[in-house]
Every structure is written in C-alpha cells, then in structure tokens.
PDB file of N, CA and C in Angstrom:
ATOM      1  N   MET A   1       0.641  -1.196   0.083  1.00  0.00           N
ATOM      2  CA  MET A   1       0.311  -0.525   0.021  1.00  0.00           C
ATOM      3  C   MET A   1       0.973   0.999   0.613  1.00  0.00           C
ATOM      4  N   PHE A   2       2.249   1.328   0.995  1.00  0.00           N
ATOM      5  CA  PHE A   2       3.084   2.618   0.339  1.00  0.00           C
ATOM      6  C   PHE A   2       4.114   1.910  -0.026  1.00  0.00           C
ATOM      7  N   PHE A   3       4.615   3.100  -1.163  1.00  0.00           N
ATOM      8  CA  PHE A   3       5.644   3.183  -2.174  1.00  0.00           C
ATOM      9  C   PHE A   3       6.392   3.855  -1.395  1.00  0.00           C
ATOM     10  N   LYS A   4       8.168   3.753  -1.922  1.00  0.00           N
ATOM     11  CA  LYS A   4       8.994   4.046  -1.400  1.00  0.00           C
ATOM     12  C   LYS A   4       8.909   5.886  -1.433  1.00  0.00           C
ATOM     13  N   ASP A   5       8.170   6.447  -2.261  1.00  0.00           N
ATOM     14  CA  ASP A   5       8.217   7.833  -1.835  1.00  0.00           C
ATOM     15  C   ASP A   5       7.167   8.359  -0.436  1.00  0.00           C
ATOM     16  N   GLY A   6       6.672   7.428   0.184  1.00  0.00           N
ATOM     17  CA  GLY A   6       6.106   7.716   1.466  1.00  0.00           C
ATOM     18  C   GLY A   6       5.067   8.078   1.114  1.00  0.00           C
ATOM     19  N   TRP A   7       4.209   8.223  -0.296  1.00  0.00           N
ATOM     20  CA  TRP A   7       3.153   8.169  -0.297  1.00  0.00           C
ATOM     21  C   TRP A   7       1.987   6.488  -0.431  1.00  0.00           C
ATOM     22  N   SER A   8       0.312   6.780  -0.272  1.00  0.00           N
ATOM     23  CA  SER A   8      -0.060   5.169  -0.855  1.00  0.00           C
ATOM     24  C   SER A   8      -1.181   5.690  -1.775  1.00  0.00           C
ATOM     25  N   THR A   9      -1.230   4.389  -2.284  1.00  0.00           N
ATOM     26  CA  THR A   9      -2.621   4.681  -3.119  1.00  0.00           C
ATOM     27  C   THR A   9      -3.495   4.136  -2.777  1.00  0.00           C
ATOM     28  N   LEU A  10      -4.938   4.208  -3.060  1.00  0.00           N
ATOM     29  CA  LEU A  10      -6.033   3.257  -3.024  1.00  0.00           C
ATOM     30  C   LEU A  10      -6.847   3.263  -4.090  1.00  0.00           C
ATOM     31  N   THR A  11      -7.259   2.065  -5.004  1.00  0.00           N
ATOM     32  CA  THR A  11      -8.289   2.507  -6.240  1.00  0.00           C
ATOM     33  C   THR A  11      -9.773   1.159  -5.838  1.00  0.00           C
ATOM     34  N   ILE A  12     -10.390   2.279  -5.764  1.00  0.00           N
ATOM     35  CA  ILE A  12     -11.786   1.232  -5.624  1.00  0.00           C
ATOM     36  C   ILE A  12     -12.594   1.429  -6.878  1.00  0.00           C
ATOM     37  N   GLN A  13     -13.320   0.505  -8.033  1.00  0.00           N
ATOM     38  CA  GLN A  13     -13.877   0.982  -8.725  1.00  0.00           C
ATOM     39  C   GLN A  13     -15.340   0.505  -8.589  1.00  0.00           C
ATOM     40  N   THR A  14     -16.658   0.452  -8.962  1.00  0.00           N
ATOM     41  CA  THR A  14     -18.027   0.656  -8.464  1.00  0.00           C
ATOM     42  C   THR A  14     -18.687  -0.270  -9.297  1.00  0.00           C
ATOM     43  N   ASN A  15     -19.835  -0.573  -9.023  1.00  0.00           N
ATOM     44  CA  ASN A  15     -20.786  -1.435 -10.554  1.00  0.00           C
ATOM     45  C   ASN A  15     -21.225  -0.039 -10.719  1.00  0.00           C
ATOM     46  N   GLY A  16     -21.153  -0.175 -12.322  1.00  0.00           N
ATOM     47  CA  GLY A  16     -20.804   0.665 -13.669  1.00  0.00           C
ATOM     48  C   GLY A  16     -23.159   0.450 -13.562  1.00  0.00           C
ATOM     49  N   SER A  17     -23.323  -0.587 -13.169  1.00  0.00           N
ATOM     50  CA  SER A  17     -24.677  -0.715 -13.284  1.00  0.00           C
ATOM     51  C   SER A  17     -25.409   0.240 -12.255  1.00  0.00           C
ATOM     52  N   GLN A  18     -25.011   0.843 -11.519  1.00  0.00           N
ATOM     53  CA  GLN A  18     -26.279   1.059  -9.919  1.00  0.00           C
ATOM     54  C   GLN A  18     -26.037   2.736 -10.377  1.00  0.00           C
ATOM     55  N   ALA A  19     -26.561   3.836 -10.062  1.00  0.00           N
ATOM     56  CA  ALA A  19     -27.190   4.889  -9.694  1.00  0.00           C
ATOM     57  C   ALA A  19     -25.675   5.701  -9.542  1.00  0.00           C
ATOM     58  N   ASP A  20     -25.153   7.303 -10.117  1.00  0.00           N
ATOM     59  CA  ASP A  20     -24.291   7.600  -9.558  1.00  0.00           C
ATOM     60  C   ASP A  20     -23.780   7.867  -8.220  1.00  0.00           C
ATOM     61  N   GLY A  21     -24.836   8.053  -7.664  1.00  0.00           N
ATOM     62  CA  GLY A  21     -24.177   8.526  -6.286  1.00  0.00           C
ATOM     63  C   GLY A  21     -24.678   7.060  -5.434  1.00  0.00           C
ATOM     64  N   VAL A  22     -25.164   6.127  -5.811  1.00  0.00           N
ATOM     65  CA  VAL A  22     -25.011   5.053  -5.172  1.00  0.00           C
ATOM     66  C   VAL A  22     -23.204   4.480  -5.147  1.00  0.00           C
ATOM     67  N   GLN A  23     -23.334   4.591  -6.227  1.00  0.00           N
ATOM     68  CA  GLN A  23     -21.565   4.674  -6.477  1.00  0.00           C
ATOM     69  C   GLN A  23     -20.448   5.370  -5.838  1.00  0.00           C
ATOM     70  N   VAL A  24     -20.743   6.643  -5.922  1.00  0.00           N
ATOM     71  CA  VAL A  24     -20.297   7.833  -5.081  1.00  0.00           C
ATOM     72  C   VAL A  24     -19.829   7.433  -3.824  1.00  0.00           C
ATOM     73  N   TYR A  25     -21.800   7.116  -3.143  1.00  0.00           N
ATOM     74  CA  TYR A  25     -21.580   7.288  -1.501  1.00  0.00           C
ATOM     75  C   TYR A  25     -21.245   5.727  -1.760  1.00  0.00           C
ATOM     76  N   ALA A  26     -20.962   4.363  -2.130  1.00  0.00           N
ATOM     77  CA  ALA A  26     -20.277   3.014  -1.517  1.00  0.00           C
ATOM     78  C   ALA A  26     -18.742   3.466  -1.624  1.00  0.00           C
ATOM     79  N   ALA A  27     -18.785   3.927  -3.015  1.00  0.00           N
ATOM     80  CA  ALA A  27     -16.472   4.158  -3.040  1.00  0.00           C
ATOM     81  C   ALA A  27     -16.279   5.392  -2.094  1.00  0.00           C
ATOM     82  N   GLY A  28     -16.469   6.127  -1.426  1.00  0.00           N
ATOM     83  CA  GLY A  28     -16.749   7.219  -0.100  1.00  0.00           C
ATOM     84  C   GLY A  28     -15.853   6.074   1.472  1.00  0.00           C
ATOM     85  N   TYR A  29     -17.653   5.407   1.529  1.00  0.00           N
ATOM     86  CA  TYR A  29     -17.659   4.200   2.397  1.00  0.00           C
ATOM     87  C   TYR A  29     -16.523   3.700   2.533  1.00  0.00           C
ATOM     88  N   ALA A  30     -16.593   2.675   1.729  1.00  0.00           N
ATOM     89  CA  ALA A  30     -15.420   1.530   1.316  1.00  0.00           C
ATOM     90  C   ALA A  30     -13.484   2.774   1.755  1.00  0.00           C
ATOM     91  N   GLU A  31     -13.639   3.579   0.909  1.00  0.00           N
ATOM     92  CA  GLU A  31     -12.198   4.758   1.513  1.00  0.00           C
ATOM     93  C   GLU A  31     -12.682   5.137   2.715  1.00  0.00           C
ATOM     94  N   GLY A  32     -13.500   4.870   2.897  1.00  0.00           N
ATOM     95  CA  GLY A  32     -13.496   5.512   5.233  1.00  0.00           C
ATOM     96  C   GLY A  32     -13.000   4.140   5.652  1.00  0.00           C
ATOM     97  N   ILE A  33     -13.383   3.138   5.723  1.00  0.00           N
ATOM     98  CA  ILE A  33     -12.607   2.173   6.169  1.00  0.00           C
ATOM     99  C   ILE A  33     -11.772   1.540   5.802  1.00  0.00           C
ATOM    100  N   LEU A  34     -11.082   1.443   4.762  1.00  0.00           N
ATOM    101  CA  LEU A  34     -10.114   0.763   4.365  1.00  0.00           C
ATOM    102  C   LEU A  34      -8.951   2.656   5.026  1.00  0.00           C
ATOM    103  N   THR A  35      -9.189   3.405   4.866  1.00  0.00           N
ATOM    104  CA  THR A  35      -8.068   4.100   5.324  1.00  0.00           C
ATOM    105  C   THR A  35      -8.675   4.622   6.699  1.00  0.00           C
ATOM    106  N   ARG A  36      -9.486   3.832   7.543  1.00  0.00           N
ATOM    107  CA  ARG A  36      -9.326   4.933   8.751  1.00  0.00           C
ATOM    108  C   ARG A  36      -8.078   4.606   9.954  1.00  0.00           C
ATOM    109  N   ASP A  37      -7.022   3.820   9.777  1.00  0.00           N
ATOM    110  CA  ASP A  37      -5.820   3.505  10.625  1.00  0.00           C
ATOM    111  C   ASP A  37      -5.022   4.508   9.852  1.00  0.00           C
ATOM    112  N   LEU A  38      -4.805   4.956   8.382  1.00  0.00           N
ATOM    113  CA  LEU A  38      -4.243   6.085   8.147  1.00  0.00           C
ATOM    114  C   LEU A  38      -4.603   7.400   8.439  1.00  0.00           C
ATOM    115  N   ILE A  39      -5.914   7.327   9.052  1.00  0.00           N
ATOM    116  CA  ILE A  39      -6.177   8.694   8.944  1.00  0.00           C
ATOM    117  C   ILE A  39      -6.569   9.001  10.680  1.00  0.00           C
ATOM    118  N   GLN A  40      -6.384   8.079  11.447  1.00  0.00           N
ATOM    119  CA  GLN A  40      -5.830   7.364  12.882  1.00  0.00           C
ATOM    120  C   GLN A  40      -4.301   8.025  12.759  1.00  0.00           C
ATOM    121  N   ALA A  41      -3.677   7.276  12.157  1.00  0.00           N
ATOM    122  CA  ALA A  41      -2.355   7.960  12.884  1.00  0.00           C
ATOM    123  C   ALA A  41      -1.467   9.248  11.864  1.00  0.00           C
ATOM    124  N   TYR A  42      -2.225   9.916  11.243  1.00  0.00           N
ATOM    125  CA  TYR A  42      -2.479  10.954  10.617  1.00  0.00           C
ATOM    126  C   TYR A  42      -2.425  11.970  11.683  1.00  0.00           C
ATOM    127  N   TRP A  43      -3.971  11.814  12.428  1.00  0.00           N
ATOM    128  CA  TRP A  43      -4.192  12.597  13.586  1.00  0.00           C
ATOM    129  C   TRP A  43      -3.227  12.483  15.000  1.00  0.00           C
ATOM    130  N   PHE A  44      -2.981  11.548  15.003  1.00  0.00           N
ATOM    131  CA  PHE A  44      -2.078  11.397  15.695  1.00  0.00           C
ATOM    132  C   PHE A  44      -0.346  12.095  16.299  1.00  0.00           C
ATOM    133  N   ASN A  45      -0.623  11.775  14.488  1.00  0.00           N
ATOM    134  CA  ASN A  45       1.494  12.439  14.549  1.00  0.00           C
ATOM    135  C   ASN A  45       1.461  13.633  13.921  1.00  0.00           C
ATOM    136  N   ASP A  46       0.538  13.760  13.115  1.00  0.00           N
ATOM    137  CA  ASP A  46       0.859  15.522  12.680  1.00  0.00           C
ATOM    138  C   ASP A  46      -0.002  16.158  13.184  1.00  0.00           C
ATOM    139  N   TYR A  47      -1.295  16.131  13.103  1.00  0.00           N
ATOM    140  CA  TYR A  47      -2.577  17.391  13.937  1.00  0.00           C
ATOM    141  C   TYR A  47      -2.110  17.528  15.005  1.00  0.00           C
ATOM    142  N   GLN A  48      -2.000  16.360  15.882  1.00  0.00           N
ATOM    143  CA  GLN A  48      -1.340  16.943  17.331  1.00  0.00           C
ATOM    144  C   GLN A  48      -0.524  17.562  17.893  1.00  0.00           C
ATOM    145  N   VAL A  49       0.802  17.527  16.842  1.00  0.00           N
ATOM    146  CA  VAL A  49       1.946  17.978  16.603  1.00  0.00           C
ATOM    147  C   VAL A  49       1.820  19.529  16.257  1.00  0.00           C
ATOM    148  N   CYS A  50       1.197  20.093  15.374  1.00  0.00           N
ATOM    149  CA  CYS A  50       0.537  20.998  14.992  1.00  0.00           C
ATOM    150  C   CYS A  50      -0.066  21.849  15.711  1.00  0.00           C
ATOM    151  N   ILE A  51      -1.017  21.369  16.502  1.00  0.00           N
ATOM    152  CA  ILE A  51      -1.893  21.484  17.885  1.00  0.00           C
ATOM    153  C   ILE A  51      -1.270  22.031  18.669  1.00  0.00           C
ATOM    154  N   TYR A  52      -0.188  21.472  19.797  1.00  0.00           N
ATOM    155  CA  TYR A  52       1.037  21.202  20.545  1.00  0.00           C
ATOM    156  C   TYR A  52       1.677  22.500  20.040  1.00  0.00           C
ATOM    157  N   THR A  53       2.277  22.281  18.417  1.00  0.00           N
ATOM    158  CA  THR A  53       2.835  23.066  18.688  1.00  0.00           C
ATOM    159  C   THR A  53       2.164  25.120  18.091  1.00  0.00           C
ATOM    160  N   THR A  54       1.272  24.618  18.332  1.00  0.00           N
ATOM    161  CA  THR A  54       0.579  26.012  18.012  1.00  0.00           C
ATOM    162  C   THR A  54       0.429  26.776  19.222  1.00  0.00           C
ATOM    163  N   LEU A  55       0.278  26.106  20.521  1.00  0.00           N
ATOM    164  CA  LEU A  55      -0.648  26.003  21.441  1.00  0.00           C
ATOM    165  C   LEU A  55       0.872  26.424  22.194  1.00  0.00           C
ATOM    166  N   LEU A  56       2.254  26.518  21.990  1.00  0.00           N
ATOM    167  CA  LEU A  56       3.189  26.787  22.413  1.00  0.00           C
ATOM    168  C   LEU A  56       3.694  28.053  22.397  1.00  0.00           C
ATOM    169  N   GLU A  57       3.260  28.223  21.164  1.00  0.00           N
ATOM    170  CA  GLU A  57       3.894  29.447  20.211  1.00  0.00           C
ATOM    171  C   GLU A  57       3.033  30.301  20.496  1.00  0.00           C
ATOM    172  N   TYR A  58       1.476  30.177  20.956  1.00  0.00           N
ATOM    173  CA  TYR A  58       0.781  31.544  21.402  1.00  0.00           C
ATOM    174  C   TYR A  58       1.602  31.896  23.269  1.00  0.00           C
ATOM    175  N   THR A  59       1.700  30.719  24.164  1.00  0.00           N
ATOM    176  CA  THR A  59       2.015  30.521  24.905  1.00  0.00           C
ATOM    177  C   THR A  59       3.686  31.014  25.370  1.00  0.00           C
ATOM    178  N   LEU A  60       4.132  30.966  24.383  1.00  0.00           N
ATOM    179  CA  LEU A  60       5.442  31.496  24.080  1.00  0.00           C
ATOM    180  C   LEU A  60       5.022  33.056  23.392  1.00  0.00           C
ATOM    181  N   ILE A  61       4.259  33.466  23.229  1.00  0.00           N
ATOM    182  CA  ILE A  61       4.236  34.858  22.736  1.00  0.00           C
ATOM    183  C   ILE A  61       3.923  35.427  23.754  1.00  0.00           C
ATOM    184  N   PHE A  62       2.798  35.084  24.742  1.00  0.00           N
ATOM    185  CA  PHE A  62       1.976  35.247  25.738  1.00  0.00           C
ATOM    186  C   PHE A  62       2.766  35.709  27.114  1.00  0.00           C
ATOM    187  N   LEU A  63       3.978  34.611  27.127  1.00  0.00           N
ATOM    188  CA  LEU A  63       4.564  35.282  27.924  1.00  0.00           C
ATOM    189  C   LEU A  63       5.842  36.341  28.065  1.00  0.00           C
ATOM    190  N   SER A  64       5.961  36.119  26.846  1.00  0.00           N
ATOM    191  CA  SER A  64       7.086  37.645  25.959  1.00  0.00           C
ATOM    192  C   SER A  64       6.833  38.101  26.240  1.00  0.00           C
ATOM    193  N   ALA A  65       5.386  39.058  25.620  1.00  0.00           N
ATOM    194  CA  ALA A  65       4.707  40.007  26.096  1.00  0.00           C
ATOM    195  C   ALA A  65       4.336  41.082  27.467  1.00  0.00           C
ATOM    196  N   ASN A  66       3.725  39.309  28.060  1.00  0.00           N
ATOM    197  CA  ASN A  66       3.490  39.710  29.801  1.00  0.00           C
ATOM    198  C   ASN A  66       5.138  40.303  30.096  1.00  0.00           C
ATOM    199  N   CYS A  67       6.271  39.079  30.160  1.00  0.00           N
ATOM    200  CA  CYS A  67       7.714  39.738  30.306  1.00  0.00           C
ATOM    201  C   CYS A  67       7.872  41.830  29.994  1.00  0.00           C
ATOM    202  N   ILE A  68       7.959  41.511  28.683  1.00  0.00           N
ATOM    203  CA  ILE A  68       8.268  42.538  27.906  1.00  0.00           C
ATOM    204  C   ILE A  68       7.249  44.154  28.636  1.00  0.00           C
ATOM    205  N   LEU A  69       5.865  43.965  28.927  1.00  0.00           N
ATOM    206  CA  LEU A  69       5.344  44.308  29.931  1.00  0.00           C
ATOM    207  C   LEU A  69       5.365  44.820  31.524  1.00  0.00           C
ATOM    208  N   SER A  70       5.719  44.246  31.991  1.00  0.00           N
ATOM    209  CA  SER A  70       6.792  44.062  33.257  1.00  0.00           C
ATOM    210  C   SER A  70       7.851  44.876  33.265  1.00  0.00           C
ATOM    211  N   ILE A  71       9.098  44.319  32.127  1.00  0.00           N
ATOM    212  CA  ILE A  71       9.881  45.080  32.502  1.00  0.00           C
ATOM    213  C   ILE A  71       9.890  46.558  32.067  1.00  0.00           C
ATOM    214  N   LEU A  72       8.418  47.207  31.032  1.00  0.00           N
ATOM    215  CA  LEU A  72       8.399  48.465  30.631  1.00  0.00           C
ATOM    216  C   LEU A  72       7.500  48.837  31.965  1.00  0.00           C
ATOM    217  N   SER A  73       7.089  48.149  32.463  1.00  0.00           N
ATOM    218  CA  SER A  73       6.030  48.695  33.919  1.00  0.00           C
ATOM    219  C   SER A  73       7.827  49.203  35.565  1.00  0.00           C
ATOM    220  N   GLN A  74       8.324  48.565  34.707  1.00  0.00           N
ATOM    221  CA  GLN A  74       9.333  48.468  36.119  1.00  0.00           C
ATOM    222  C   GLN A  74      10.189  49.796  35.488  1.00  0.00           C
ATOM    223  N   GLN A  75      10.534  49.784  34.316  1.00  0.00           N
ATOM    224  CA  GLN A  75      10.633  51.208  33.399  1.00  0.00           C
ATOM    225  C   GLN A  75      10.308  52.825  33.888  1.00  0.00           C
ATOM    226  N   GLU A  76       9.129  52.693  34.174  1.00  0.00           N
ATOM    227  CA  GLU A  76       7.745  53.428  34.151  1.00  0.00           C
ATOM    228  C   GLU A  76       8.228  54.112  34.681  1.00  0.00           C
ATOM    229  N   GLN A  77       8.230  52.994  36.429  1.00  0.00           N
ATOM    230  CA  GLN A  77       8.741  53.734  37.326  1.00  0.00           C
ATOM    231  C   GLN A  77       9.603  54.218  37.953  1.00  0.00           C
ATOM    232  N   ASN A  78      11.563  53.760  37.348  1.00  0.00           N
ATOM    233  CA  ASN A  78      12.926  53.747  37.211  1.00  0.00           C
ATOM    234  C   ASN A  78      12.894  55.583  37.152  1.00  0.00           C
ATOM    235  N   ILE A  79      11.702  55.485  35.862  1.00  0.00           N
ATOM    236  CA  ILE A  79      11.437  56.657  35.312  1.00  0.00           C
ATOM    237  C   ILE A  79      11.005  57.901  36.243  1.00  0.00           C
ATOM    238  N   GLY A  80       9.605  57.353  36.752  1.00  0.00           N
ATOM    239  CA  GLY A  80       8.919  58.459  37.525  1.00  0.00           C
ATOM    240  C   GLY A  80       9.955  58.841  38.445  1.00  0.00           C
ATOM    241  N   LYS A  81      10.025  57.716  39.416  1.00  0.00           N
ATOM    242  CA  LYS A  81      11.193  57.949  41.081  1.00  0.00           C
ATOM    243  C   LYS A  81      12.524  59.307  40.747  1.00  0.00           C
ATOM    244  N   LEU A  82      12.847  58.725  39.058  1.00  0.00           N
ATOM    245  CA  LEU A  82      14.231  59.765  38.585  1.00  0.00           C
ATOM    246  C   LEU A  82      12.517  61.389  38.709  1.00  0.00           C
ATOM    247  N   ILE A  83      12.586  61.283  38.012  1.00  0.00           N
ATOM    248  CA  ILE A  83      11.419  62.932  37.552  1.00  0.00           C
ATOM    249  C   ILE A  83      11.559  63.033  39.129  1.00  0.00           C
ATOM    250  N   HIS A  84      11.204  62.338  40.237  1.00  0.00           N
ATOM    251  CA  HIS A  84      10.161  62.939  41.366  1.00  0.00           C
ATOM    252  C   HIS A  84      11.689  63.670  42.046  1.00  0.00           C
ATOM    253  N   SER A  85      12.643  62.490  41.646  1.00  0.00           N
ATOM    254  CA  SER A  85      14.078  63.450  42.741  1.00  0.00           C
ATOM    255  C   SER A  85      15.069  64.292  42.062  1.00  0.00           C
ATOM    256  N   PHE A  86      14.872  64.298  40.866  1.00  0.00           N
ATOM    257  CA  PHE A  86      15.045  65.189  40.248  1.00  0.00           C
ATOM    258  C   PHE A  86      14.358  66.582  40.441  1.00  0.00           C
ATOM    259  N   PHE A  87      12.871  67.140  40.424  1.00  0.00           N
ATOM    260  CA  PHE A  87      12.236  68.194  40.740  1.00  0.00           C
ATOM    261  C   PHE A  87      12.819  68.355  42.549  1.00  0.00           C
ATOM    262  N   ASP A  88      12.006  66.781  42.860  1.00  0.00           N
ATOM    263  CA  ASP A  88      12.238  67.415  44.118  1.00  0.00           C
ATOM    264  C   ASP A  88      13.332  67.944  45.792  1.00  0.00           C
ATOM    265  N   GLY A  89      14.128  67.810  44.202  1.00  0.00           N
ATOM    266  CA  GLY A  89      15.965  67.499  44.555  1.00  0.00           C
ATOM    267  C   GLY A  89      16.632  67.867  45.789  1.00  0.00           C
TER     268      GLY A  89
END
C-alpha cells in the first residue's frame, strides 16, 4: 500500500449499473473504512504536533508579552522616581 516515496494509493471500482450517487457513496464509505487506520495515524502524528506547536507558540508569545510589559512597567517606575527626585531635589 505504501510506496518508496511515502505516499499510498487506493483504487476502488464501482458497479457501473448502479446510480452515480450510490456509486459515489459506496466508494467513499469503502475508502473511509479502508483508510481509517491511516487517518488515525495522521491525526496522532501530524495534527497533534500542529496543535501542540501552535499552543506552545501562543504560550511563548503570551509570556514574552507579559515579560515585556513587566520590564516596561519597572522602567516606568524607575523613570518616575528619577523625575520626582530631580524636581523634589
């Protein structure tokens, strides 16, 4: 089912004497049953990695933004103290 390049193929033939809608439905149903393990493997391998990566990126962005805001807040306090000490003298 797998080739050297990592791709898999599935060929399904239907009964031409049946209505087109029946053929399409039956072919799709058969494809789903035959490839469910591959779909599950994809979900466990690729989809969860994407979700984890996205959540990790958002977490890092959130933490970085909060860190920057904290630094700016400290700088603002330091500048405020400097200004007050200058004018209060």
